[in-house]
Each structure stands twice: as structure tokens, then as C-alpha cells.
C-alpha atoms as a PDB file:
ATOM      1  CA  MET A   1     -21.308  29.064-139.487  1.00  0.00           C
ATOM      2  CA  LYS A   2     -17.774  27.683-139.589  1.00  0.00           C
ATOM      3  CA  LYS A   3     -17.028  26.161-142.553  1.00  0.00           C
ATOM      4  CA  VAL A   4     -13.561  26.222-144.421  1.00  0.00           C
ATOM      5  CA  LEU A   5     -14.644  27.888-147.455  1.00  0.00           C
ATOM      6  CA  ASN A   6     -13.917  31.490-149.144  1.00  0.00           C
ATOM      7  CA  LYS A   7     -17.434  33.168-150.336  1.00  0.00           C
ATOM      8  CA  PRO A   8     -20.545  30.638-150.157  1.00  0.00           C
ATOM      9  CA  GLU A   9     -21.063  31.535-153.765  1.00  0.00           C
ATOM     10  CA  ASN A  10     -17.622  30.279-154.892  1.00  0.00           C
ATOM     11  CA  PHE A  11     -18.113  26.850-152.853  1.00  0.00           C
ATOM     12  CA  VAL A  12     -18.744  24.411-155.802  1.00  0.00           C
ATOM     13  CA  ASP A  13     -16.751  26.006-158.699  1.00  0.00           C
ATOM     14  CA  GLU A  14     -13.786  26.071-156.335  1.00  0.00           C
ATOM     15  CA  MET A  15     -14.188  22.716-155.147  1.00  0.00           C
ATOM     16  CA  MET A  16     -13.940  20.943-159.190  1.00  0.00           C
ATOM     17  CA  GLU A  17     -10.825  23.638-159.383  1.00  0.00           C
ATOM     18  CA  GLY A  18      -9.405  21.498-156.481  1.00  0.00           C
ATOM     19  CA  ILE A  19     -10.727  18.316-158.088  1.00  0.00           C
ATOM     20  CA  ILE A  20      -8.948  19.148-161.568  1.00  0.00           C
ATOM     21  CA  ALA A  21      -5.928  20.418-159.600  1.00  0.00           C
ATOM     22  CA  ALA A  22      -5.239  16.948-157.475  1.00  0.00           C
ATOM     23  CA  TYR A  23      -6.529  14.906-160.604  1.00  0.00           C
ATOM     24  CA  GLY A  24      -6.283  17.031-163.852  1.00  0.00           C
ATOM     25  CA  ASP A  25      -4.681  13.594-165.250  1.00  0.00           C
ATOM     26  CA  ARG A  26      -7.611  11.359-165.088  1.00  0.00           C
ATOM     27  CA  VAL A  27     -10.457  13.926-164.996  1.00  0.00           C
ATOM     28  CA  GLY A  28     -11.465  17.087-167.085  1.00  0.00           C
ATOM     29  CA  LEU A  29     -13.946  19.938-167.235  1.00  0.00           C
ATOM     30  CA  LEU A  30     -15.765  19.398-170.413  1.00  0.00           C
ATOM     31  CA  ASP A  31     -14.543  22.754-172.455  1.00  0.00           C
ATOM     32  CA  GLY A  32     -13.638  24.507-169.164  1.00  0.00           C
ATOM     33  CA  ASP A  33     -17.167  24.813-167.864  1.00  0.00           C
ATOM     34  CA  LYS A  34     -16.630  24.372-164.033  1.00  0.00           C
ATOM     35  CA  ARG A  35     -19.805  21.942-163.745  1.00  0.00           C
ATOM     36  CA  ILE A  36     -19.414  19.279-165.864  1.00  0.00           C
ATOM     37  CA  LEU A  37     -16.839  16.789-165.279  1.00  0.00           C
ATOM     38  CA  VAL A  38     -15.335  14.088-168.273  1.00  0.00           C
ATOM     39  CA  SER A  39     -13.190  11.347-167.509  1.00  0.00           C
ATOM     40  CA  LYS A  40      -9.872  11.034-169.430  1.00  0.00           C
ATOM     41  CA  TYR A  41      -9.461   7.497-168.854  1.00  0.00           C
ATOM     42  CA  PRO A  42      -8.760   5.362-171.979  1.00  0.00           C
ATOM     43  CA  VAL A  43     -11.817   4.025-173.649  1.00  0.00           C
ATOM     44  CA  LYS A  44     -12.979   2.049-176.259  1.00  0.00           C
ATOM     45  CA  ASP A  45     -14.524   4.223-179.185  1.00  0.00           C
ATOM     46  CA  ASP A  46     -17.816   2.444-179.533  1.00  0.00           C
ATOM     47  CA  LYS A  47     -18.304   1.983-175.802  1.00  0.00           C
ATOM     48  CA  VAL A  48     -21.968   2.802-174.401  1.00  0.00           C
ATOM     49  CA  GLY A  49     -21.895   6.123-172.572  1.00  0.00           C
ATOM     50  CA  ILE A  50     -22.386   6.590-168.808  1.00  0.00           C
ATOM     51  CA  VAL A  51     -23.805   9.723-167.169  1.00  0.00           C
ATOM     52  CA  THR A  52     -25.227  11.146-164.020  1.00  0.00           C
ATOM     53  CA  ALA A  53     -25.959  14.778-162.521  1.00  0.00           C
ATOM     54  CA  GLY A  54     -27.369  16.152-159.210  1.00  0.00           C
ATOM     55  CA  GLY A  55     -26.476  18.771-156.708  1.00  0.00           C
ATOM     56  CA  SER A  56     -23.263  19.458-155.142  1.00  0.00           C
ATOM     57  CA  GLY A  57     -22.113  18.725-151.403  1.00  0.00           C
ATOM     58  CA  HIS A  58     -22.284  14.965-151.542  1.00  0.00           C
ATOM     59  CA  LEU A  59     -18.634  13.994-152.411  1.00  0.00           C
ATOM     60  CA  PRO A  60     -17.694  11.202-153.505  1.00  0.00           C
ATOM     61  CA  VAL A  61     -21.330  10.991-155.496  1.00  0.00           C
ATOM     62  CA  PHE A  62     -21.506  12.138-157.577  1.00  0.00           C
ATOM     63  CA  LEU A  63     -18.356  13.476-159.530  1.00  0.00           C
ATOM     64  CA  GLY A  64     -15.929  10.639-157.619  1.00  0.00           C
ATOM     65  CA  TYR A  65     -17.632   8.082-160.000  1.00  0.00           C
ATOM     66  CA  VAL A  66     -16.204   8.965-163.270  1.00  0.00           C
ATOM     67  CA  GLY A  67     -13.454   6.630-164.027  1.00  0.00           C
ATOM     68  CA  ASP A  68     -12.588   3.475-165.488  1.00  0.00           C
ATOM     69  CA  GLY A  69     -15.436   1.200-165.344  1.00  0.00           C
ATOM     70  CA  LEU A  70     -17.550   3.468-163.780  1.00  0.00           C
ATOM     71  CA  LEU A  71     -19.224   6.760-164.913  1.00  0.00           C
ATOM     72  CA  ASP A  72     -17.915   8.711-168.177  1.00  0.00           C
ATOM     73  CA  GLY A  73     -19.387  12.039-166.986  1.00  0.00           C
ATOM     74  CA  CYS A  74     -21.031  13.984-164.454  1.00  0.00           C
ATOM     75  CA  ALA A  75     -22.691  17.303-164.010  1.00  0.00           C
ATOM     76  CA  VAL A  76     -23.624  19.023-161.085  1.00  0.00           C
ATOM     77  CA  GLY A  77     -25.725  21.994-159.859  1.00  0.00           C
ATOM     78  CA  ASN A  78     -24.962  24.205-156.574  1.00  0.00           C
ATOM     79  CA  VAL A  79     -25.381  22.427-153.396  1.00  0.00           C
ATOM     80  CA  PHE A  80     -28.319  20.164-153.011  1.00  0.00           C
ATOM     81  CA  ALA A  81     -29.809  21.651-156.615  1.00  0.00           C
ATOM     82  CA  SER A  82     -29.782  20.360-160.243  1.00  0.00           C
ATOM     83  CA  PRO A  83     -27.951  21.361-162.629  1.00  0.00           C
ATOM     84  CA  SER A  84     -29.718  22.646-165.638  1.00  0.00           C
ATOM     85  CA  ALA A  85     -30.992  20.464-168.513  1.00  0.00           C
ATOM     86  CA  GLN A  86     -28.036  22.479-171.071  1.00  0.00           C
ATOM     87  CA  LYS A  87     -25.374  21.179-168.225  1.00  0.00           C
ATOM     88  CA  MET A  88     -26.967  17.244-169.150  1.00  0.00           C
ATOM     89  CA  ALA A  89     -27.123  18.020-172.802  1.00  0.00           C
ATOM     90  CA  ASP A  90     -23.770  19.205-173.196  1.00  0.00           C
ATOM     91  CA  MET A  91     -22.282  15.857-170.857  1.00  0.00           C
ATOM     92  CA  ILE A  92     -24.348  13.383-173.014  1.00  0.00           C
ATOM     93  CA  LYS A  93     -23.294  15.018-176.270  1.00  0.00           C
ATOM     94  CA  ALA A  94     -19.610  14.522-175.209  1.00  0.00           C
ATOM     95  CA  CYS A  95     -20.318  11.302-173.868  1.00  0.00           C
ATOM     96  CA  ASP A  96     -21.843   9.512-176.869  1.00  0.00           C
ATOM     97  CA  ARG A  97     -19.418   7.154-178.911  1.00  0.00           C
ATOM     98  CA  GLY A  98     -22.045   6.138-181.258  1.00  0.00           C
ATOM     99  CA  ARG A  99     -23.936   3.605-179.442  1.00  0.00           C
ATOM    100  CA  GLY A 100     -26.156   5.739-177.272  1.00  0.00           C
ATOM    101  CA  VAL A 101     -25.832   7.019-173.548  1.00  0.00           C
ATOM    102  CA  LEU A 102     -27.439   5.567-170.527  1.00  0.00           C
ATOM    103  CA  CYS A 103     -28.472   8.205-167.915  1.00  0.00           C
ATOM    104  CA  LEU A 104     -28.482   6.867-164.520  1.00  0.00           C
ATOM    105  CA  TYR A 105     -29.020   9.161-161.530  1.00  0.00           C
ATOM    106  CA  GLY A 106     -31.231   9.600-158.429  1.00  0.00           C
ATOM    107  CA  ASN A 107     -34.979  10.008-158.191  1.00  0.00           C
ATOM    108  CA  TYR A 108     -35.307  13.591-157.416  1.00  0.00           C
ATOM    109  CA  GLY A 109     -37.784  15.938-159.302  1.00  0.00           C
ATOM    110  CA  GLY A 110     -35.298  18.544-160.683  1.00  0.00           C
ATOM    111  CA  ASP A 111     -32.969  15.879-162.074  1.00  0.00           C
ATOM    112  CA  ASN A 112     -35.802  13.795-163.406  1.00  0.00           C
ATOM    113  CA  MET A 113     -37.571  17.251-165.127  1.00  0.00           C
ATOM    114  CA  ASN A 114     -33.728  18.198-166.339  1.00  0.00           C
ATOM    115  CA  PHE A 115     -32.965  15.022-168.050  1.00  0.00           C
ATOM    116  CA  ASP A 116     -35.769  14.497-169.631  1.00  0.00           C
ATOM    117  CA  MET A 117     -35.412  17.675-171.284  1.00  0.00           C
ATOM    118  CA  ALA A 118     -31.971  16.990-171.982  1.00  0.00           C
ATOM    119  CA  CYS A 119     -32.745  13.670-173.527  1.00  0.00           C
ATOM    120  CA  GLU A 120     -35.347  15.224-175.992  1.00  0.00           C
ATOM    121  CA  MET A 121     -32.695  17.813-176.610  1.00  0.00           C
ATOM    122  CA  VAL A 122     -29.734  15.607-178.081  1.00  0.00           C
ATOM    123  CA  GLU A 123     -31.942  12.855-179.610  1.00  0.00           C
ATOM    124  CA  MET A 124     -33.840  15.453-181.891  1.00  0.00           C
ATOM    125  CA  GLU A 125     -30.549  17.935-182.329  1.00  0.00           C
ATOM    126  CA  ASP A 126     -27.724  15.092-182.341  1.00  0.00           C
ATOM    127  CA  ASP A 127     -29.614  11.818-183.027  1.00  0.00           C
ATOM    128  CA  ILE A 128     -28.092  10.685-179.744  1.00  0.00           C
ATOM    129  CA  GLU A 129     -29.749   7.598-178.410  1.00  0.00           C
ATOM    130  CA  THR A 130     -30.480   7.671-174.430  1.00  0.00           C
ATOM    131  CA  MET A 131     -31.486   5.462-172.048  1.00  0.00           C
ATOM    132  CA  THR A 132     -32.943   6.515-168.400  1.00  0.00           C
ATOM    133  CA  VAL A 133     -32.412   4.583-165.021  1.00  0.00           C
ATOM    134  CA  ARG A 134     -33.763   6.368-161.921  1.00  0.00           C
ATOM    135  CA  VAL A 135     -32.317   5.219-158.554  1.00  0.00           C
ATOM    136  CA  LYS A 136     -34.947   4.628-155.962  1.00  0.00           C
ATOM    137  CA  ASP A 137     -33.150   2.648-153.349  1.00  0.00           C
ATOM    138  CA  ASP A 138     -33.914   4.583-150.123  1.00  0.00           C
ATOM    139  CA  VAL A 139     -36.774   2.217-148.396  1.00  0.00           C
ATOM    140  CA  ALA A 140     -37.924   4.894-145.689  1.00  0.00           C
ATOM    141  CA  SER A 141     -38.767   7.276-148.466  1.00  0.00           C
ATOM    142  CA  ALA A 142     -42.354   5.654-149.904  1.00  0.00           C
ATOM    143  CA  PRO A 143     -43.632   2.173-148.896  1.00  0.00           C
ATOM    144  CA  LYS A 144     -42.834  -0.887-150.802  1.00  0.00           C
ATOM    145  CA  GLU A 145     -46.439  -0.319-152.749  1.00  0.00           C
ATOM    146  CA  ASN A 146     -45.505   3.444-154.072  1.00  0.00           C
ATOM    147  CA  LYS A 147     -41.484   2.522-155.023  1.00  0.00           C
ATOM    148  CA  ASP A 148     -41.448   4.948-158.202  1.00  0.00           C
ATOM    149  CA  LYS A 149     -41.772   7.844-155.206  1.00  0.00           C
ATOM    150  CA  ARG A 150     -38.625   6.193-153.693  1.00  0.00           C
ATOM    151  CA  ARG A 151     -35.524   8.230-153.368  1.00  0.00           C
ATOM    152  CA  GLY A 152     -32.092   7.365-154.736  1.00  0.00           C
ATOM    153  CA  VAL A 153     -29.124   7.361-151.942  1.00  0.00           C
ATOM    154  CA  ALA A 154     -26.304   5.477-151.477  1.00  0.00           C
ATOM    155  CA  GLY A 155     -27.189   2.413-153.277  1.00  0.00           C
ATOM    156  CA  MET A 156     -26.664   4.232-156.582  1.00  0.00           C
ATOM    157  CA  VAL A 157     -22.737   3.751-156.033  1.00  0.00           C
ATOM    158  CA  TYR A 158     -23.669  -0.038-156.803  1.00  0.00           C
ATOM    159  CA  ALA A 159     -25.362   0.678-159.341  1.00  0.00           C
ATOM    160  CA  PHE A 160     -22.905   2.477-161.068  1.00  0.00           C
ATOM    161  CA  LYS A 161     -19.995  -0.104-160.715  1.00  0.00           C
ATOM    162  CA  VAL A 162     -22.288  -2.349-162.106  1.00  0.00           C
ATOM    163  CA  ALA A 163     -23.027  -0.112-165.166  1.00  0.00           C
ATOM    164  CA  GLY A 164     -19.905   0.924-165.989  1.00  0.00           C
ATOM    165  CA  ALA A 165     -18.485  -2.932-165.981  1.00  0.00           C
ATOM    166  CA  ALA A 166     -21.282  -4.051-168.819  1.00  0.00           C
ATOM    167  CA  ALA A 167     -20.268  -1.162-170.743  1.00  0.00           C
ATOM    168  CA  LYS A 168     -16.731  -2.509-170.416  1.00  0.00           C
ATOM    169  CA  GLU A 169     -17.674  -5.364-171.423  1.00  0.00           C
ATOM    170  CA  GLY A 170     -19.173  -4.235-174.251  1.00  0.00           C
ATOM    171  CA  ARG A 171     -22.831  -4.609-173.840  1.00  0.00           C
ATOM    172  CA  ASP A 172     -25.276  -2.251-175.810  1.00  0.00           C
ATOM    173  CA  LEU A 173     -27.183   0.334-174.636  1.00  0.00           C
ATOM    174  CA  LYS A 174     -30.357  -1.589-173.824  1.00  0.00           C
ATOM    175  CA  GLY A 175     -27.824  -4.299-172.192  1.00  0.00           C
ATOM    176  CA  VAL A 176     -26.131  -1.734-170.141  1.00  0.00           C
ATOM    177  CA  ALA A 177     -29.560  -0.508-168.730  1.00  0.00           C
ATOM    178  CA  ALA A 178     -30.921  -3.748-167.708  1.00  0.00           C
ATOM    179  CA  ALA A 179     -28.231  -4.444-165.795  1.00  0.00           C
ATOM    180  CA  ALA A 180     -28.079  -1.318-163.774  1.00  0.00           C
ATOM    181  CA  GLN A 181     -31.597  -2.165-163.263  1.00  0.00           C
ATOM    182  CA  LYS A 182     -31.363  -5.398-162.187  1.00  0.00           C
ATOM    183  CA  ALA A 183     -28.596  -4.159-159.790  1.00  0.00           C
ATOM    184  CA  LEU A 184     -31.289  -1.406-158.643  1.00  0.00           C
ATOM    185  CA  ASP A 185     -33.964  -4.414-158.059  1.00  0.00           C
ATOM    186  CA  ASN A 186     -31.591  -5.981-155.823  1.00  0.00           C
ATOM    187  CA  ILE A 187     -30.124  -2.978-153.906  1.00  0.00           C
ATOM    188  CA  ARG A 188     -32.178  -1.825-150.466  1.00  0.00           C
ATOM    189  CA  THR A 189     -30.915   1.642-148.316  1.00  0.00           C
ATOM    190  CA  MET A 190     -31.679   3.072-145.298  1.00  0.00           C
ATOM    191  CA  GLY A 191     -30.008   5.798-143.079  1.00  0.00           C
ATOM    192  CA  VAL A 192     -29.731   7.658-139.614  1.00  0.00           C
ATOM    193  CA  ALA A 193     -29.113  10.949-138.767  1.00  0.00           C
ATOM    194  CA  LEU A 194     -27.318  12.566-135.612  1.00  0.00           C
ATOM    195  CA  SER A 195     -26.925  16.065-136.790  1.00  0.00           C
ATOM    196  CA  PRO A 196     -27.978  18.240-139.561  1.00  0.00           C
ATOM    197  CA  CYS A 197     -26.091  19.536-142.129  1.00  0.00           C
ATOM    198  CA  ILE A 198     -25.320  23.413-143.680  1.00  0.00           C
ATOM    199  CA  VAL A 199     -25.703  24.410-147.122  1.00  0.00           C
ATOM    200  CA  PRO A 200     -22.505  27.228-147.573  1.00  0.00           C
ATOM    201  CA  GLU A 201     -25.040  29.574-149.625  1.00  0.00           C
ATOM    202  CA  VAL A 202     -27.718  29.128-146.604  1.00  0.00           C
ATOM    203  CA  GLY A 203     -25.949  29.146-143.641  1.00  0.00           C
ATOM    204  CA  LYS A 204     -28.244  27.246-141.226  1.00  0.00           C
ATOM    205  CA  PRO A 205     -28.595  24.003-140.524  1.00  0.00           C
ATOM    206  CA  THR A 206     -31.313  22.202-142.600  1.00  0.00           C
ATOM    207  CA  PHE A 207     -33.302  20.624-139.671  1.00  0.00           C
ATOM    208  CA  SER A 208     -33.221  20.320-136.081  1.00  0.00           C
ATOM    209  CA  ILE A 209     -32.498  18.099-133.946  1.00  0.00           C
ATOM    210  CA  GLU A 210     -31.811  17.248-130.007  1.00  0.00           C
ATOM    211  CA  GLU A 211     -28.343  16.222-128.896  1.00  0.00           C
ATOM    212  CA  ASN A 212     -29.709  13.195-127.386  1.00  0.00           C
ATOM    213  CA  GLU A 213     -32.006  12.220-130.631  1.00  0.00           C
ATOM    214  CA  ILE A 214     -31.520  10.620-133.663  1.00  0.00           C
ATOM    215  CA  GLU A 215     -33.764  10.729-136.806  1.00  0.00           C
ATOM    216  CA  ILE A 216     -34.508   7.596-138.409  1.00  0.00           C
ATOM    217  CA  GLY A 217     -34.919   7.576-142.433  1.00  0.00           C
ATOM    218  CA  MET A 218     -33.786  10.918-143.013  1.00  0.00           C
ATOM    219  CA  GLY A 219     -32.808  11.845-146.558  1.00  0.00           C
ATOM    220  CA  ILE A 220     -29.276  13.295-147.556  1.00  0.00           C
ATOM    221  CA  HIS A 221     -30.828  16.787-148.265  1.00  0.00           C
ATOM    222  CA  GLY A 222     -32.432  16.755-144.871  1.00  0.00           C
ATOM    223  CA  GLU A 223     -35.543  15.533-146.317  1.00  0.00           C
ATOM    224  CA  PRO A 224     -37.497  13.977-142.825  1.00  0.00           C
ATOM    225  CA  GLY A 225     -37.355  10.549-141.652  1.00  0.00           C
ATOM    226  CA  ILE A 226     -39.677   8.089-140.459  1.00  0.00           C
ATOM    227  CA  GLU A 227     -39.463   8.934-136.577  1.00  0.00           C
ATOM    228  CA  VAL A 228     -37.296  10.611-134.541  1.00  0.00           C
ATOM    229  CA  ARG A 229     -36.118   8.438-131.669  1.00  0.00           C
ATOM    230  CA  GLU A 230     -33.501   8.700-128.294  1.00  0.00           C
ATOM    231  CA  MET A 231     -30.241   8.069-129.488  1.00  0.00           C
ATOM    232  CA  MET A 232     -29.472   4.478-129.737  1.00  0.00           C
ATOM    233  CA  THR A 233     -26.506   1.995-129.031  1.00  0.00           C
ATOM    234  CA  ALA A 234     -24.679   1.089-132.401  1.00  0.00           C
ATOM    235  CA  ASP A 235     -26.058  -2.533-132.701  1.00  0.00           C
ATOM    236  CA  ASP A 236     -29.198  -1.038-132.157  1.00  0.00           C
ATOM    237  CA  ILE A 237     -29.427   1.311-135.547  1.00  0.00           C
ATOM    238  CA  ALA A 238     -27.532  -1.936-137.329  1.00  0.00           C
ATOM    239  CA  ASP A 239     -30.517  -4.392-136.170  1.00  0.00           C
ATOM    240  CA  LEU A 240     -33.249  -1.483-136.968  1.00  0.00           C
ATOM    241  CA  LEU A 241     -31.826  -0.834-140.347  1.00  0.00           C
ATOM    242  CA  LEU A 242     -31.082  -4.077-141.204  1.00  0.00           C
ATOM    243  CA  GLU A 243     -34.562  -5.131-140.102  1.00  0.00           C
ATOM    244  CA  LYS A 244     -36.190  -1.974-142.341  1.00  0.00           C
ATOM    245  CA  ILE A 245     -34.287  -3.599-145.096  1.00  0.00           C
ATOM    246  CA  LEU A 246     -34.925  -6.777-144.762  1.00  0.00           C
ATOM    247  CA  ASP A 247     -38.259  -6.434-144.657  1.00  0.00           C
ATOM    248  CA  ASP A 248     -38.370  -4.671-148.118  1.00  0.00           C
ATOM    249  CA  MET A 249     -36.103  -7.435-149.560  1.00  0.00           C
ATOM    250  CA  PRO A 250     -35.481 -10.878-147.696  1.00  0.00           C
ATOM    251  CA  VAL A 251     -32.537 -12.631-148.086  1.00  0.00           C
ATOM    252  CA  ASN A 252     -32.227 -16.264-147.326  1.00  0.00           C
ATOM    253  CA  LYS A 253     -30.105 -18.556-145.895  1.00  0.00           C
ATOM    254  CA  GLY A 254     -26.987 -19.234-148.887  1.00  0.00           C
ATOM    255  CA  ASP A 255     -27.732 -16.117-150.470  1.00  0.00           C
ATOM    256  CA  ARG A 256     -24.724 -14.069-151.309  1.00  0.00           C
ATOM    257  CA  VAL A 257     -24.521 -10.075-150.523  1.00  0.00           C
ATOM    258  CA  SER A 258     -22.709  -6.953-150.081  1.00  0.00           C
ATOM    259  CA  VAL A 259     -23.263  -4.441-147.593  1.00  0.00           C
ATOM    260  CA  MET A 260     -22.454  -0.591-147.826  1.00  0.00           C
ATOM    261  CA  VAL A 261     -21.902   1.347-144.460  1.00  0.00           C
ATOM    262  CA  ASN A 262     -21.591   4.558-145.783  1.00  0.00           C
ATOM    263  CA  GLY A 263     -20.956   7.503-143.712  1.00  0.00           C
ATOM    264  CA  LEU A 264     -22.666  10.921-144.459  1.00  0.00           C
ATOM    265  CA  GLY A 265     -20.011  13.433-143.729  1.00  0.00           C
ATOM    266  CA  ALA A 266     -19.056  13.490-139.982  1.00  0.00           C
ATOM    267  CA  THR A 267     -19.164   9.956-138.782  1.00  0.00           C
ATOM    268  CA  PRO A 268     -15.760   8.334-138.476  1.00  0.00           C
ATOM    269  CA  LYS A 269     -14.741   4.869-139.964  1.00  0.00           C
ATOM    270  CA  GLU A 270     -14.376   3.430-136.536  1.00  0.00           C
ATOM    271  CA  GLU A 271     -18.065   3.862-135.544  1.00  0.00           C
ATOM    272  CA  LEU A 272     -18.820   2.908-139.434  1.00  0.00           C
ATOM    273  CA  LEU A 273     -16.985  -0.482-138.664  1.00  0.00           C
ATOM    274  CA  ILE A 274     -18.715  -0.895-135.388  1.00  0.00           C
ATOM    275  CA  VAL A 275     -21.650  -1.021-137.588  1.00  0.00           C
ATOM    276  CA  TYR A 276     -20.512  -3.121-140.187  1.00  0.00           C
ATOM    277  CA  ARG A 277     -19.184  -5.963-137.044  1.00  0.00           C
ATOM    278  CA  ARG A 278     -23.242  -5.880-135.807  1.00  0.00           C
ATOM    279  CA  LEU A 279     -24.611  -6.482-139.678  1.00  0.00           C
ATOM    280  CA  ALA A 280     -21.967  -9.499-140.391  1.00  0.00           C
ATOM    281  CA  GLN A 281     -22.919 -10.854-137.094  1.00  0.00           C
ATOM    282  CA  VAL A 282     -27.041 -10.925-137.683  1.00  0.00           C
ATOM    283  CA  LEU A 283     -26.132 -11.702-141.510  1.00  0.00           C
ATOM    284  CA  THR A 284     -23.907 -14.847-140.822  1.00  0.00           C
ATOM    285  CA  GLU A 285     -26.120 -16.143-138.016  1.00  0.00           C
ATOM    286  CA  LYS A 286     -28.817 -16.241-141.035  1.00  0.00           C
ATOM    287  CA  GLY A 287     -26.699 -18.277-143.210  1.00  0.00           C
ATOM    288  CA  VAL A 288     -25.444 -15.480-145.373  1.00  0.00           C
ATOM    289  CA  GLU A 289     -22.411 -14.947-146.951  1.00  0.00           C
ATOM    290  CA  LEU A 290     -21.016 -11.546-146.782  1.00  0.00           C
ATOM    291  CA  VAL A 291     -18.645 -10.404-149.794  1.00  0.00           C
ATOM    292  CA  MET A 292     -17.019  -7.206-151.458  1.00  0.00           C
ATOM    293  CA  PRO A 293     -17.996  -5.015-148.023  1.00  0.00           C
ATOM    294  CA  HIS A 294     -17.895  -1.192-148.608  1.00  0.00           C
ATOM    295  CA  ILE A 295     -17.169   0.584-145.517  1.00  0.00           C
ATOM    296  CA  GLY A 296     -16.630   4.541-145.513  1.00  0.00           C
ATOM    297  CA  GLU A 297     -17.976   7.232-147.370  1.00  0.00           C
ATOM    298  CA  TYR A 298     -19.553   6.813-150.429  1.00  0.00           C
ATOM    299  CA  ALA A 299     -22.169   9.276-150.704  1.00  0.00           C
ATOM    300  CA  THR A 300     -22.292  12.513-148.217  1.00  0.00           C
ATOM    301  CA  SER A 301     -24.233  14.939-147.076  1.00  0.00           C
ATOM    302  CA  MET A 302     -21.741  17.815-146.181  1.00  0.00           C
ATOM    303  CA  GLU A 303     -20.607  17.444-142.912  1.00  0.00           C
ATOM    304  CA  MET A 304     -24.354  15.546-141.328  1.00  0.00           C
ATOM    305  CA  ALA A 305     -23.411  13.007-138.795  1.00  0.00           C
ATOM    306  CA  GLY A 306     -24.775   9.712-139.236  1.00  0.00           C
ATOM    307  CA  LEU A 307     -24.826   6.753-141.551  1.00  0.00           C
ATOM    308  CA  SER A 308     -26.342   4.971-143.669  1.00  0.00           C
ATOM    309  CA  VAL A 309     -26.725   0.984-144.721  1.00  0.00           C
ATOM    310  CA  THR A 310     -27.050  -0.544-148.015  1.00  0.00           C
ATOM    311  CA  VAL A 311     -27.896  -4.325-148.953  1.00  0.00           C
ATOM    312  CA  MET A 312     -27.376  -5.852-152.457  1.00  0.00           C
ATOM    313  CA  LEU A 313     -28.355  -9.207-153.210  1.00  0.00           C
ATOM    314  CA  LEU A 314     -26.148 -10.785-155.431  1.00  0.00           C
ATOM    315  CA  ASP A 315     -26.210 -13.421-158.533  1.00  0.00           C
ATOM    316  CA  GLU A 316     -23.510 -15.099-160.267  1.00  0.00           C
ATOM    317  CA  GLU A 317     -23.882 -11.866-162.721  1.00  0.00           C
ATOM    318  CA  LEU A 318     -24.244  -9.320-160.498  1.00  0.00           C
ATOM    319  CA  GLU A 319     -21.021 -10.866-158.535  1.00  0.00           C
ATOM    320  CA  LYS A 320     -18.946 -10.923-161.712  1.00  0.00           C
ATOM    321  CA  LEU A 321     -19.665  -7.194-162.588  1.00  0.00           C
ATOM    322  CA  MET A 322     -19.064  -5.728-159.271  1.00  0.00           C
ATOM    323  CA  ARG A 323     -15.479  -7.173-158.781  1.00  0.00           C
ATOM    324  CA  ALA A 324     -14.215  -6.307-162.652  1.00  0.00           C
ATOM    325  CA  PRO A 325     -11.960  -3.684-162.652  1.00  0.00           C
ATOM    326  CA  ALA A 326     -13.222  -0.147-161.612  1.00  0.00           C
ATOM    327  CA  THR A 327     -11.107   2.748-160.660  1.00  0.00           C
ATOM    328  CA  SER A 328     -11.484   6.546-160.272  1.00  0.00           C
ATOM    329  CA  PRO A 329      -9.850   9.436-158.064  1.00  0.00           C
ATOM    330  CA  PHE A 330     -12.176   8.509-155.554  1.00  0.00           C
ATOM    331  CA  TYR A 331     -13.191   4.626-156.108  1.00  0.00           C
ATOM    332  CA  THR A 332     -11.264   1.600-156.373  1.00  0.00           C
ATOM    333  CA  ASN A 333     -12.490  -1.932-156.292  1.00  0.00           C
ATOM    334  CA  GLU A 334      -9.000  -3.348-155.829  1.00  0.00           C
ATOM    335  CA  ASN A 335      -8.954  -3.777-152.144  1.00  0.00           C
ATOM    336  CA  ILE A 336     -12.717  -4.494-151.767  1.00  0.00           C
END
């Protein structure tokens, strides 16, 4: 295993120390806790709080979206492991300003269980109202008939953006949750992996794949995909992913969409742009208008090579919320 680190067991804490050393003027650790990041950006006293949580190893998800017009707090666990319910509860309490807190996170077993416990804790002990919206955008992880089983992947970035803008507008908790859910109802994602990744404390690849193979529909923790094929061209990858997404969420002539081509950690932006070029060609031929392209690393899986494609179908409200200003140490929509 070759990784730039000190001791594997210190990987997450030292990464958090690095975030604070670099961006401590904008984000901070809650009471010095190296597993809870909170925003230092100015905010209205009565704004609805928005929080997320999940395992480390996916930067910029989840920590990178704590900022202005985005999330108020994020709790992280070890690599690919959920933080505890107590960490989540502490974060929720810190981000409550009297109008409740939206818990917006990926649909994974540990996160679901611990967030449910955390919400019960703060509601009983602190009288804080919470609502939950789970991200389920990965079309490869379950069929249409069983969407509640789907994983949350890169599409959650769009949900963070929409919910953050809705909260900044002054919407109440139900309104912010409704905006996030509306966004997610119009978001689909699918990815491919060219290589596995290595969890520092494990020290070996999460799965194996031959040099001439590509895994279709894998998960960001190395979960199996729907099939393994021989390596494909960039255009063929783009066509396959877009076909699967549009089979699940059709778009029509005249529709407006935002498309994200997300690198999983070890794929250069040049290759992501080649894929976006093909997606733009196909969608434009269908009479679909592309706006606000997101091309880069938004939700990674350590050093995994590969990418995911996300399509977000926009209406006037969602586009307005997407265009509202937002910034964090890892994200801004000023140039999108």
C-alpha cells in the first residue's frame, strides 16, 4: 500500500486538522471535536439548520459542503464508516437556531440507524424539531420498483445546494425538506469504476478488477455493480450511463438539465471533459438544454479511478435555487 499518510489510525483526525489549518477562518470543529465540522459563515439567527453525516474518504462529500448557502454542519466517521449517534446529536444541537434542523444524507444502513437515534435524542432532550430526507439517486443499486433501497451518491451535492438555498431564503423546516425532496425526485446517478480503492486501516483493495475490465454501477464504498465488461471508450461509457439514467428518468425536448460528471478520486479532469462532451452531444440532439455543468471531483472514493454521471431535471424553482449564491472551502457556483 502506497499512501501519503503517517499512521493509518490517524488518517481521519489528521485530515480534519488539515482542513482547519487551511480553512479555519470559514469552518471549525465543534468544541474541538475532530469528527464534527460546523460553519463559521455569517447566518441569520432564525435560519433552518441543515446537516449531513457519513464516513470519511469521499471528499468533497461530505465535509466540503459546509458553508454559506449549503450545509451548517457535518459529522464524519472513520473511512467508509458512519459516525456515532451521539456525534450526530451534538451536531444537530449546534446547528439549531430555533426553527429546526433538516438531516440530509445518503441512504446507508449505519447512517440511517444513527441519524434516527440522534433525532430522537435531540427531540426528547432538547425539544429540537428535525426532519429527514435520504438521498437515493443511484439507479444501479435497486430497480425502479424498489427505489427506497437505492444508495445515495454524487446527486446529494445538488440536494445540498437546493436545500441550502431554500433555507437561506427563509423557508421553514417543512419547506426546506420539500425543496430537497423535490430536487432528489429529479436526480439520477450512475457510475463506473476502473480500479478499486484502499481503506488506510485495512491496507488492501476493497475489490478486484482486471486491467482490461470496467465495473458498471459500482458503489462508492466498493459495493458490487450490475456487471463487469471489457474496458470501453469514453463515448461508450457516456452512452451507457446516460441510457440507464434516462430509462429511469426520461427527459423531453425543451427540458433543461444540469449534468455532473464526477471523478471518483483518480481520474483526471481531461477525461471527465471528454465524457461530458459526449453527454452534451447526445442530449443536445434530443433537444435538451444543458445548464450549470458540474465537471470535477464532487464525491470521491479515496483513490478509485472512475466516474459517475448525474442528471438533474430542472424547473423554474429548482434552477433558481441552484443559481442562488453558495460557497464553501471546497465548492462555489460562481463560475457555473
